[in-house]
Protein backbone atom coordinates (compact mmCIF):
# COMPACT_ATOMS: atom_id res chain seq x y z
CA UNK A 1 0.00 0.00 0.00
CA UNK A 2 1.51 3.27 -1.08
CA UNK A 3 1.22 6.38 0.93
CA UNK A 4 0.70 9.60 -0.92
CA UNK A 5 1.74 12.96 0.31
CA UNK A 6 -0.13 16.06 -0.56
CA UNK A 7 1.59 19.40 -0.65
CA UNK A 8 -0.39 22.51 -0.19
CA UNK A 9 0.69 25.71 -1.80
CA UNK A 10 0.25 28.87 0.11
CA UNK A 11 -0.51 32.27 -1.13
CA UNK A 12 2.85 33.44 0.22
CA UNK A 13 4.61 32.16 -2.90
CA UNK A 14 2.41 34.13 -5.22
CA UNK A 15 2.53 37.29 -3.20
CA UNK A 16 5.17 39.91 -3.96
CA UNK A 17 7.55 41.47 -1.44
CA UNK A 18 6.11 43.45 1.40
CA UNK A 19 5.59 47.18 1.17
CA UNK A 20 8.61 47.81 3.40
CA UNK A 21 10.80 45.66 1.14
CA UNK A 22 9.60 47.44 -1.98
CA UNK A 23 10.32 50.81 -0.39
CA UNK A 24 13.82 49.67 0.56
CA UNK A 25 14.49 48.46 -3.00
CA UNK A 26 13.26 51.75 -4.44
CA UNK A 27 15.53 53.69 -2.05
CA UNK A 28 18.58 51.66 -3.07
CA UNK A 29 17.85 52.06 -6.79
CA UNK A 30 17.22 55.79 -6.39
CA UNK A 31 20.54 56.19 -4.57
CA UNK A 32 22.37 54.30 -7.31
CA UNK A 33 20.78 56.40 -10.05
CA UNK A 34 21.19 59.74 -8.31
CA UNK A 35 23.44 62.07 -10.33
CA UNK A 36 26.90 62.53 -8.87
CA UNK A 37 28.72 65.79 -9.49
CA UNK A 38 31.97 65.13 -11.27
CA UNK A 39 34.89 67.49 -10.74
CA UNK A 40 36.10 69.31 -13.81
CA UNK A 41 39.62 68.75 -15.06
CA UNK A 42 40.56 72.23 -13.85
CA UNK A 43 39.32 71.48 -10.34
CA UNK A 44 41.26 68.25 -10.26
CA UNK A 45 44.41 69.98 -11.47
CA UNK A 46 43.99 72.61 -8.74
CA UNK A 47 43.57 69.93 -6.06
CA UNK A 48 46.63 67.96 -7.19
CA UNK A 49 48.74 71.09 -7.60
CA UNK A 50 47.77 72.38 -4.15
CA UNK A 51 48.56 69.00 -2.57
CA UNK A 52 51.93 68.94 -4.35
CA UNK A 53 52.80 72.45 -3.16
CA UNK A 54 51.82 71.54 0.41
CA UNK A 55 54.02 68.44 0.16
CA UNK A 56 57.03 70.55 -0.82
CA UNK A 57 56.42 72.97 2.03
CA UNK A 58 56.06 70.15 4.57
CA UNK A 59 59.22 68.24 3.62
CA UNK A 60 61.46 71.25 2.94
CA UNK A 61 62.35 71.97 6.62
CA UNK A 62 64.92 69.55 8.00
CA UNK A 63 67.48 69.37 10.85
CA UNK A 64 70.05 70.64 8.37
CA UNK A 65 68.33 73.93 7.65
CA UNK A 66 67.05 76.32 10.31
CA UNK A 67 64.75 78.27 8.06
CA UNK A 68 65.29 78.81 4.35
CA UNK A 69 68.59 80.47 3.47
CA UNK A 70 69.03 82.70 0.41
CA UNK A 71 71.42 80.11 -1.01
CA UNK A 72 68.53 77.66 -1.24
CA UNK A 73 66.50 79.85 -3.58
CA UNK A 74 67.57 77.70 -6.53
CA UNK A 75 66.45 74.50 -4.80
CA UNK A 76 63.13 76.10 -3.88
CA UNK A 77 62.64 77.15 -7.49
CA UNK A 78 63.29 73.56 -8.56
CA UNK A 79 60.64 72.43 -6.09
CA UNK A 80 58.07 74.82 -7.52
CA UNK A 81 58.92 73.79 -11.08
CA UNK A 82 58.61 70.14 -10.05
CA UNK A 83 55.12 70.86 -8.68
CA UNK A 84 54.06 72.47 -11.96
CA UNK A 85 55.60 69.74 -14.14
CA UNK A 86 54.25 66.88 -12.05
CA UNK A 87 50.75 68.35 -11.90
CA UNK A 88 50.76 68.90 -15.67
CA UNK A 89 51.98 65.32 -16.24
CA UNK A 90 49.28 63.78 -14.03
CA UNK A 91 46.49 65.85 -15.51
CA UNK A 92 47.72 65.16 -19.05
CA UNK A 93 47.47 61.45 -18.32
CA UNK A 94 43.72 61.77 -17.83
CA UNK A 95 42.87 64.65 -20.17
CA UNK A 96 41.47 64.00 -23.64
CA UNK A 97 43.15 66.02 -26.39
CA UNK A 98 41.32 66.23 -29.67
CA UNK A 99 39.01 63.46 -28.53
CA UNK A 100 41.93 61.15 -27.80
CA UNK A 101 43.70 60.25 -24.58
CA UNK A 102 47.31 59.36 -23.97
CA UNK A 103 47.95 55.71 -24.68
CA UNK A 104 49.73 53.31 -22.38
CA UNK A 105 53.03 53.71 -24.24
CA UNK A 106 52.87 57.51 -24.11
CA UNK A 107 52.30 57.42 -20.36
CA UNK A 108 55.31 55.14 -19.89
CA UNK A 109 57.42 57.51 -21.99
CA UNK A 110 56.22 60.47 -19.92
CA UNK A 111 57.06 58.72 -16.64
CA UNK A 112 60.48 57.74 -17.97
CA UNK A 113 61.07 61.34 -19.05
CA UNK A 114 60.36 62.56 -15.52
CA UNK A 115 62.85 60.05 -14.10
CA UNK A 116 65.51 60.87 -16.70
CA UNK A 117 65.10 64.61 -16.20
CA UNK A 118 65.37 64.28 -12.45
CA UNK A 119 68.49 62.12 -12.69
CA UNK A 120 70.11 64.67 -14.97
CA UNK A 121 69.36 67.38 -12.41
CA UNK A 122 70.69 65.28 -9.51
CA UNK A 123 73.93 64.49 -11.31
CA UNK A 124 74.36 68.11 -12.35
CA UNK A 125 74.30 69.42 -8.77
CA UNK A 126 76.59 66.72 -7.34
CA UNK A 127 80.09 68.00 -6.65
CA UNK A 128 81.09 66.02 -3.57
CA UNK A 129 80.85 68.86 -1.07
CA UNK A 130 78.32 70.14 1.38
CA UNK A 131 77.18 73.66 2.11
CA UNK A 132 79.59 75.22 4.61
CA UNK A 133 78.29 75.61 8.14
CA UNK A 134 75.28 73.35 7.64
CA UNK A 135 74.89 69.90 9.20
CA UNK A 136 74.59 67.22 6.54
CA UNK A 137 71.47 65.04 6.61
CA UNK A 138 71.74 61.31 5.96
CA UNK A 139 70.66 59.72 2.70
CA UNK A 140 68.29 57.39 4.58
CA UNK A 141 66.70 60.33 6.37
CA UNK A 142 66.12 62.21 3.13
CA UNK A 143 64.86 59.09 1.38
CA UNK A 144 62.37 58.16 4.11
CA UNK A 145 60.93 61.68 4.29
CA UNK A 146 60.63 61.86 0.52
CA UNK A 147 59.09 58.39 0.26
CA UNK A 148 56.45 58.93 2.95
CA UNK A 149 55.47 62.33 1.55
CA UNK A 150 55.36 60.83 -1.95
CA UNK A 151 53.00 58.09 -0.76
CA UNK A 152 50.65 60.67 0.75
CA UNK A 153 50.75 62.88 -2.34
CA UNK A 154 50.16 59.87 -4.58
CA UNK A 155 47.18 58.85 -2.43
CA UNK A 156 45.66 62.30 -2.91
CA UNK A 157 46.12 62.09 -6.69
CA UNK A 158 44.59 58.61 -6.74
CA UNK A 159 41.59 59.89 -4.83
CA UNK A 160 41.17 62.91 -7.12
CA UNK A 161 41.24 60.69 -10.22
CA UNK A 162 39.50 57.72 -8.61
CA UNK A 163 37.96 55.31 -11.16
CA UNK A 164 38.82 57.71 -14.00
CA UNK A 165 40.98 55.51 -16.23
CA UNK A 166 39.54 52.32 -17.74
CA UNK A 167 42.08 52.31 -20.58
CA UNK A 168 45.58 52.22 -19.08
CA UNK A 169 45.28 52.37 -15.28
CA UNK A 170 48.63 50.78 -14.49
CA UNK A 171 50.54 53.21 -16.64
CA UNK A 172 48.61 56.13 -15.12
CA UNK A 173 49.37 54.80 -11.64
CA UNK A 174 53.06 54.55 -12.45
CA UNK A 175 53.02 58.11 -13.78
CA UNK A 176 51.32 59.37 -10.62
CA UNK A 177 53.91 57.62 -8.45
CA UNK A 178 56.81 58.95 -10.49
CA UNK A 179 55.48 62.51 -10.45
CA UNK A 180 54.73 62.41 -6.72
CA UNK A 181 58.24 61.11 -6.02
CA UNK A 182 59.76 63.90 -8.10
CA UNK A 183 57.81 66.57 -6.20
CA UNK A 184 58.72 65.31 -2.74
CA UNK A 185 62.35 64.68 -3.70
CA UNK A 186 62.55 68.28 -4.89
CA UNK A 187 61.02 69.42 -1.61
CA UNK A 188 63.51 67.43 0.45
CA UNK A 189 66.30 68.92 -1.65
CA UNK A 190 65.40 72.39 -0.35
CA UNK A 191 66.43 71.36 3.14
CA UNK A 192 69.37 69.12 2.30
CA UNK A 193 72.94 70.40 2.29
CA UNK A 194 74.59 67.35 0.75
CA UNK A 195 75.92 67.43 -2.79
CA UNK A 196 77.42 63.94 -2.66
CA UNK A 197 76.30 61.89 -5.65
CA UNK A 198 75.70 58.72 -3.64
CA UNK A 199 73.60 60.61 -1.13
CA UNK A 200 71.57 62.28 -3.88
CA UNK A 201 70.93 59.04 -5.75
CA UNK A 202 69.81 57.14 -2.63
CA UNK A 203 68.06 59.90 -0.72
CA UNK A 204 66.70 62.01 -3.56
CA UNK A 205 66.21 59.75 -6.58
CA UNK A 206 65.64 56.13 -5.51
CA UNK A 207 62.12 56.88 -4.33
CA UNK A 208 60.89 57.82 -7.81
CA UNK A 209 60.96 54.35 -9.43
CA UNK A 210 59.83 52.73 -6.16
CA UNK A 211 56.78 54.99 -5.95
CA UNK A 212 56.11 54.41 -9.65
CA UNK A 213 56.04 50.65 -9.03
CA UNK A 214 53.69 51.07 -6.06
CA UNK A 215 51.44 53.30 -8.15
CA UNK A 216 51.27 50.73 -10.93
CA UNK A 217 50.36 47.97 -8.47
CA UNK A 218 47.65 50.04 -6.76
CA UNK A 219 46.19 51.48 -9.95
CA UNK A 220 43.81 48.72 -11.01
CA UNK A 221 41.95 48.89 -7.74
CA UNK A 222 41.86 52.69 -7.51
CA UNK A 223 41.77 53.97 -11.09
CA UNK A 224 39.67 51.41 -12.94
CA UNK A 225 35.90 52.17 -12.96
């Protein structure tokens, strides 16, 4: 003798979600579709440039320099020029020109140009002596200050251009890291009395490719939409 089981269907299966659930779904959809104000390219350039200038000002003072001396006017000018060049490079990486954006190869060339230009400058000021009457800072000290400031500046640039590059994010990230490293290295140079080539390469130049590598690794998560 077989036993049959009867299953009863309830009206719960045919009913839709409750009113509270529908309201919650509508609220989530409305929030997703709400227009978000996007910063203009000029606003983003101003934010990055301001952050870069602040970075130079923050890292310029050091134990070697009690206030800025007249002799450091040239180094300060280099810092300001680095801010302008780095800001222009970062913005150019994301700006469309004639309906076209910089390709991955062009961004790599731009980052390499920043590194090459900075190395030429570093080698040109190296003459194996230090400024008389000023305590020399260590290469590690200069490098750490430059690296930490470069990380912070790069983080600001990543936030300003967050999810803005679906085409070549890694190359843009490397360019941001290279430019940020150049700015903070220039800022540290304002307060450094050493003109030793080894010191300059370790404390004032090594951070650029390291920050570029970090930028490239972090880019896909921060710059891709």
